[in-house]
Amino acid sequence: MSERSPLSWPGRLADWFELRGVYVPGEDNRVVDPWRDWGWLIVAWLVTLAVFILLFALAL
């Protein structure tokens, strides 16, 4: 049974990014792929943006 708590979806999203590949130090002969290299940072930014929007939506 899958977990359906609201806090589980950022983890699933980050896991999806990690399944696409993980940066290997020293592997400098490839093109930088932001989804692969900074997946957790992108997820954190999206969650922060969503919370920011929700705070302003609830403040009105």
PDB file of N, CA and C in Angstrom:
ATOM      1  N   MET A   1       0.840  -1.168   0.000  1.00  0.00           N
ATOM      2  CA  MET A   1       0.000   0.000   0.000  1.00  0.00           C
ATOM      3  C   MET A   1       0.887   1.234   0.000  1.00  0.00           C
ATOM      4  N   SER A   2       0.650   2.136  -0.930  1.00  0.00           N
ATOM      5  CA  SER A   2       1.495   3.313  -1.016  1.00  0.00           C
ATOM      6  C   SER A   2       1.076   4.351   0.020  1.00  0.00           C
ATOM      7  N   GLU A   3       2.063   5.095   0.447  1.00  0.00           N
ATOM      8  CA  GLU A   3       1.818   6.134   1.435  1.00  0.00           C
ATOM      9  C   GLU A   3       1.179   7.337   0.745  1.00  0.00           C
ATOM     10  N   ARG A   4       0.141   7.891   1.337  1.00  0.00           N
ATOM     11  CA  ARG A   4      -0.580   8.992   0.701  1.00  0.00           C
ATOM     12  C   ARG A   4      -0.500  10.286   1.504  1.00  0.00           C
ATOM     13  N   SER A   5       0.506  10.428   2.342  1.00  0.00           N
ATOM     14  CA  SER A   5       0.605  11.664   3.107  1.00  0.00           C
ATOM     15  C   SER A   5       1.105  12.789   2.203  1.00  0.00           C
ATOM     16  N   PRO A   6       0.736  14.030   2.510  1.00  0.00           N
ATOM     17  CA  PRO A   6       1.155  15.146   1.663  1.00  0.00           C
ATOM     18  C   PRO A   6       2.663  15.353   1.658  1.00  0.00           C
ATOM     19  N   LEU A   7       3.352  14.831   2.650  1.00  0.00           N
ATOM     20  CA  LEU A   7       4.802  15.021   2.703  1.00  0.00           C
ATOM     21  C   LEU A   7       5.559  13.950   1.933  1.00  0.00           C
ATOM     22  N   SER A   8       4.879  12.976   1.385  1.00  0.00           N
ATOM     23  CA  SER A   8       5.589  11.906   0.674  1.00  0.00           C
ATOM     24  C   SER A   8       5.851  12.245  -0.787  1.00  0.00           C
ATOM     25  N   TRP A   9       5.070  13.166  -1.371  1.00  0.00           N
ATOM     26  CA  TRP A   9       5.257  13.442  -2.803  1.00  0.00           C
ATOM     27  C   TRP A   9       6.563  14.143  -3.119  1.00  0.00           C
ATOM     28  N   PRO A  10       7.124  15.037  -2.265  1.00  0.00           N
ATOM     29  CA  PRO A  10       8.438  15.594  -2.618  1.00  0.00           C
ATOM     30  C   PRO A  10       9.519  14.511  -2.665  1.00  0.00           C
ATOM     31  N   GLY A  11       9.425  13.542  -1.778  1.00  0.00           N
ATOM     32  CA  GLY A  11      10.388  12.445  -1.795  1.00  0.00           C
ATOM     33  C   GLY A  11      10.272  11.598  -3.046  1.00  0.00           C
ATOM     34  N   ARG A  12       9.024  11.333  -3.468  1.00  0.00           N
ATOM     35  CA  ARG A  12       8.826  10.561  -4.703  1.00  0.00           C
ATOM     36  C   ARG A  12       9.343  11.338  -5.909  1.00  0.00           C
ATOM     37  N   LEU A  13       9.129  12.660  -5.916  1.00  0.00           N
ATOM     38  CA  LEU A  13       9.603  13.486  -7.018  1.00  0.00           C
ATOM     39  C   LEU A  13      11.130  13.501  -7.063  1.00  0.00           C
ATOM     40  N   ALA A  14      11.757  13.632  -5.906  1.00  0.00           N
ATOM     41  CA  ALA A  14      13.214  13.610  -5.853  1.00  0.00           C
ATOM     42  C   ALA A  14      13.753  12.239  -6.273  1.00  0.00           C
ATOM     43  N   ASP A  15      13.085  11.169  -5.876  1.00  0.00           N
ATOM     44  CA  ASP A  15      13.500   9.835  -6.298  1.00  0.00           C
ATOM     45  C   ASP A  15      13.397   9.684  -7.813  1.00  0.00           C
ATOM     46  N   TRP A  16      12.375  10.300  -8.416  1.00  0.00           N
ATOM     47  CA  TRP A  16      12.225  10.247  -9.867  1.00  0.00           C
ATOM     48  C   TRP A  16      13.416  10.934 -10.536  1.00  0.00           C
ATOM     49  N   PHE A  17      13.832  12.098  -9.986  1.00  0.00           N
ATOM     50  CA  PHE A  17      14.995  12.783 -10.531  1.00  0.00           C
ATOM     51  C   PHE A  17      16.246  11.909 -10.409  1.00  0.00           C
ATOM     52  N   GLU A  18      16.406  11.254  -9.254  1.00  0.00           N
ATOM     53  CA  GLU A  18      17.588  10.437  -9.031  1.00  0.00           C
ATOM     54  C   GLU A  18      17.605   9.203  -9.928  1.00  0.00           C
ATOM     55  N   LEU A  19      16.444   8.670 -10.265  1.00  0.00           N
ATOM     56  CA  LEU A  19      16.401   7.515 -11.157  1.00  0.00           C
ATOM     57  C   LEU A  19      16.897   7.871 -12.552  1.00  0.00           C
ATOM     58  N   ARG A  20      16.811   9.145 -12.901  1.00  0.00           N
ATOM     59  CA  ARG A  20      17.294   9.597 -14.203  1.00  0.00           C
ATOM     60  C   ARG A  20      18.820   9.601 -14.255  1.00  0.00           C
ATOM     61  N   GLY A  21      19.479   9.486 -13.135  1.00  0.00           N
ATOM     62  CA  GLY A  21      20.932   9.451 -13.091  1.00  0.00           C
ATOM     63  C   GLY A  21      21.456  10.316 -11.971  1.00  0.00           C
ATOM     64  N   VAL A  22      22.604   9.957 -11.465  1.00  0.00           N
ATOM     65  CA  VAL A  22      23.239  10.686 -10.380  1.00  0.00           C
ATOM     66  C   VAL A  22      24.605  11.142 -10.851  1.00  0.00           C
ATOM     67  N   TYR A  23      24.974  12.363 -10.487  1.00  0.00           N
ATOM     68  CA  TYR A  23      26.267  12.911 -10.877  1.00  0.00           C
ATOM     69  C   TYR A  23      27.399  12.104 -10.259  1.00  0.00           C
ATOM     70  N   VAL A  24      28.399  11.788 -11.064  1.00  0.00           N
ATOM     71  CA  VAL A  24      29.572  11.064 -10.600  1.00  0.00           C
ATOM     72  C   VAL A  24      30.743  12.040 -10.634  1.00  0.00           C
ATOM     73  N   PRO A  25      31.341  12.356  -9.472  1.00  0.00           N
ATOM     74  CA  PRO A  25      32.475  13.280  -9.475  1.00  0.00           C
ATOM     75  C   PRO A  25      33.594  12.773 -10.386  1.00  0.00           C
ATOM     76  N   GLY A  26      34.183  13.684 -11.124  1.00  0.00           N
ATOM     77  CA  GLY A  26      35.245  13.317 -12.042  1.00  0.00           C
ATOM     78  C   GLY A  26      34.742  13.032 -13.441  1.00  0.00           C
ATOM     79  N   GLU A  27      33.444  12.982 -13.607  1.00  0.00           N
ATOM     80  CA  GLU A  27      32.862  12.723 -14.917  1.00  0.00           C
ATOM     81  C   GLU A  27      32.630  14.072 -15.605  1.00  0.00           C
ATOM     82  N   ASP A  28      33.712  14.672 -16.081  1.00  0.00           N
ATOM     83  CA  ASP A  28      33.649  16.025 -16.626  1.00  0.00           C
ATOM     84  C   ASP A  28      33.520  16.060 -18.140  1.00  0.00           C
ATOM     85  N   ASN A  29      33.437  14.939 -18.776  1.00  0.00           N
ATOM     86  CA  ASN A  29      33.407  14.918 -20.231  1.00  0.00           C
ATOM     87  C   ASN A  29      31.983  14.783 -20.781  1.00  0.00           C
ATOM     88  N   ARG A  30      31.012  15.248 -20.033  1.00  0.00           N
ATOM     89  CA  ARG A  30      29.637  15.170 -20.498  1.00  0.00           C
ATOM     90  C   ARG A  30      28.971  16.531 -20.330  1.00  0.00           C
ATOM     91  N   VAL A  31      27.840  16.698 -20.986  1.00  0.00           N
ATOM     92  CA  VAL A  31      27.077  17.928 -20.884  1.00  0.00           C
ATOM     93  C   VAL A  31      26.366  17.957 -19.536  1.00  0.00           C
ATOM     94  N   VAL A  32      26.320  19.130 -18.911  1.00  0.00           N
ATOM     95  CA  VAL A  32      25.633  19.268 -17.628  1.00  0.00           C
ATOM     96  C   VAL A  32      24.130  19.145 -17.858  1.00  0.00           C
ATOM     97  N   ASP A  33      23.506  18.265 -17.102  1.00  0.00           N
ATOM     98  CA  ASP A  33      22.065  18.054 -17.176  1.00  0.00           C
ATOM     99  C   ASP A  33      21.467  18.470 -15.837  1.00  0.00           C
ATOM    100  N   PRO A  34      20.749  19.615 -15.782  1.00  0.00           N
ATOM    101  CA  PRO A  34      20.259  20.088 -14.487  1.00  0.00           C
ATOM    102  C   PRO A  34      19.308  19.119 -13.795  1.00  0.00           C
ATOM    103  N   TRP A  35      18.511  18.385 -14.538  1.00  0.00           N
ATOM    104  CA  TRP A  35      17.599  17.423 -13.907  1.00  0.00           C
ATOM    105  C   TRP A  35      18.384  16.312 -13.237  1.00  0.00           C
ATOM    106  N   ARG A  36      19.507  15.949 -13.811  1.00  0.00           N
ATOM    107  CA  ARG A  36      20.309  14.860 -13.255  1.00  0.00           C
ATOM    108  C   ARG A  36      21.202  15.347 -12.118  1.00  0.00           C
ATOM    109  N   ASP A  37      21.809  16.516 -12.293  1.00  0.00           N
ATOM    110  CA  ASP A  37      22.809  16.985 -11.338  1.00  0.00           C
ATOM    111  C   ASP A  37      22.228  17.689 -10.125  1.00  0.00           C
ATOM    112  N   TRP A  38      21.097  18.384 -10.302  1.00  0.00           N
ATOM    113  CA  TRP A  38      20.537  19.182  -9.215  1.00  0.00           C
ATOM    114  C   TRP A  38      19.081  18.849  -8.943  1.00  0.00           C
ATOM    115  N   GLY A  39      18.723  17.588  -8.997  1.00  0.00           N
ATOM    116  CA  GLY A  39      17.333  17.175  -8.789  1.00  0.00           C
ATOM    117  C   GLY A  39      16.785  17.576  -7.433  1.00  0.00           C
ATOM    118  N   TRP A  40      17.544  17.329  -6.351  1.00  0.00           N
ATOM    119  CA  TRP A  40      17.069  17.673  -5.009  1.00  0.00           C
ATOM    120  C   TRP A  40      16.908  19.172  -4.864  1.00  0.00           C
ATOM    121  N   LEU A  41      17.819  19.949  -5.451  1.00  0.00           N
ATOM    122  CA  LEU A  41      17.726  21.399  -5.361  1.00  0.00           C
ATOM    123  C   LEU A  41      16.493  21.909  -6.102  1.00  0.00           C
ATOM    124  N   ILE A  42      16.198  21.333  -7.244  1.00  0.00           N
ATOM    125  CA  ILE A  42      15.014  21.722  -8.011  1.00  0.00           C
ATOM    126  C   ILE A  42      13.749  21.381  -7.226  1.00  0.00           C
ATOM    127  N   VAL A  43      13.707  20.204  -6.615  1.00  0.00           N
ATOM    128  CA  VAL A  43      12.538  19.818  -5.812  1.00  0.00           C
ATOM    129  C   VAL A  43      12.377  20.764  -4.627  1.00  0.00           C
ATOM    130  N   ALA A  44      13.472  21.101  -3.952  1.00  0.00           N
ATOM    131  CA  ALA A  44      13.399  22.019  -2.813  1.00  0.00           C
ATOM    132  C   ALA A  44      12.902  23.386  -3.262  1.00  0.00           C
ATOM    133  N   TRP A  45      13.349  23.857  -4.409  1.00  0.00           N
ATOM    134  CA  TRP A  45      12.914  25.152  -4.926  1.00  0.00           C
ATOM    135  C   TRP A  45      11.421  25.126  -5.252  1.00  0.00           C
ATOM    136  N   LEU A  46      10.949  24.054  -5.870  1.00  0.00           N
ATOM    137  CA  LEU A  46       9.529  23.942  -6.211  1.00  0.00           C
ATOM    138  C   LEU A  46       8.652  23.891  -4.962  1.00  0.00           C
ATOM    139  N   VAL A  47       9.090  23.169  -3.943  1.00  0.00           N
ATOM    140  CA  VAL A  47       8.330  23.088  -2.695  1.00  0.00           C
ATOM    141  C   VAL A  47       8.303  24.457  -2.016  1.00  0.00           C
ATOM    142  N   THR A  48       9.432  25.155  -1.998  1.00  0.00           N
ATOM    143  CA  THR A  48       9.485  26.493  -1.403  1.00  0.00           C
ATOM    144  C   THR A  48       8.570  27.456  -2.142  1.00  0.00           C
ATOM    145  N   LEU A  49       8.576  27.398  -3.449  1.00  0.00           N
ATOM    146  CA  LEU A  49       7.704  28.254  -4.251  1.00  0.00           C
ATOM    147  C   LEU A  49       6.228  27.945  -3.973  1.00  0.00           C
ATOM    148  N   ALA A  50       5.884  26.672  -3.858  1.00  0.00           N
ATOM    149  CA  ALA A  50       4.499  26.284  -3.573  1.00  0.00           C
ATOM    150  C   ALA A  50       4.062  26.790  -2.200  1.00  0.00           C
ATOM    151  N   VAL A  51       4.924  26.678  -1.201  1.00  0.00           N
ATOM    152  CA  VAL A  51       4.588  27.166   0.141  1.00  0.00           C
ATOM    153  C   VAL A  51       4.429  28.682   0.115  1.00  0.00           C
ATOM    154  N   PHE A  52       5.292  29.381  -0.575  1.00  0.00           N
ATOM    155  CA  PHE A  52       5.213  30.835  -0.697  1.00  0.00           C
ATOM    156  C   PHE A  52       3.883  31.254  -1.322  1.00  0.00           C
ATOM    157  N   ILE A  53       3.491  30.588  -2.393  1.00  0.00           N
ATOM    158  CA  ILE A  53       2.220  30.903  -3.059  1.00  0.00           C
ATOM    159  C   ILE A  53       1.040  30.590  -2.142  1.00  0.00           C
ATOM    160  N   LEU A  54       1.093  29.470  -1.444  1.00  0.00           N
ATOM    161  CA  LEU A  54       0.005  29.111  -0.522  1.00  0.00           C
ATOM    162  C   LEU A  54      -0.122  30.109   0.624  1.00  0.00           C
ATOM    163  N   LEU A  55       0.997  30.596   1.139  1.00  0.00           N
ATOM    164  CA  LEU A  55       0.939  31.570   2.229  1.00  0.00           C
ATOM    165  C   LEU A  55       0.247  32.849   1.763  1.00  0.00           C
ATOM    166  N   PHE A  56       0.573  33.319   0.578  1.00  0.00           N
ATOM    167  CA  PHE A  56      -0.079  34.523   0.080  1.00  0.00           C
ATOM    168  C   PHE A  56      -1.545  34.262  -0.270  1.00  0.00           C
ATOM    169  N   ALA A  57      -1.861  33.075  -0.754  1.00  0.00           N
ATOM    170  CA  ALA A  57      -3.243  32.754  -1.075  1.00  0.00           C
ATOM    171  C   ALA A  57      -4.094  32.700   0.193  1.00  0.00           C
ATOM    172  N   LEU A  58      -3.532  32.168   1.260  1.00  0.00           N
ATOM    173  CA  LEU A  58      -4.288  32.074   2.519  1.00  0.00           C
ATOM    174  C   LEU A  58      -4.342  33.406   3.258  1.00  0.00           C
ATOM    175  N   ALA A  59      -3.419  34.303   2.979  1.00  0.00           N
ATOM    176  CA  ALA A  59      -3.385  35.591   3.655  1.00  0.00           C
ATOM    177  C   ALA A  59      -4.493  36.517   3.159  1.00  0.00           C
ATOM    178  N   LEU A  60      -4.996  36.267   1.968  1.00  0.00           N
ATOM    179  CA  LEU A  60      -6.038  37.144   1.409  1.00  0.00           C
ATOM    180  C   LEU A  60      -7.357  36.755   1.879  1.00  0.00           C
TER     181      LEU A  60
END
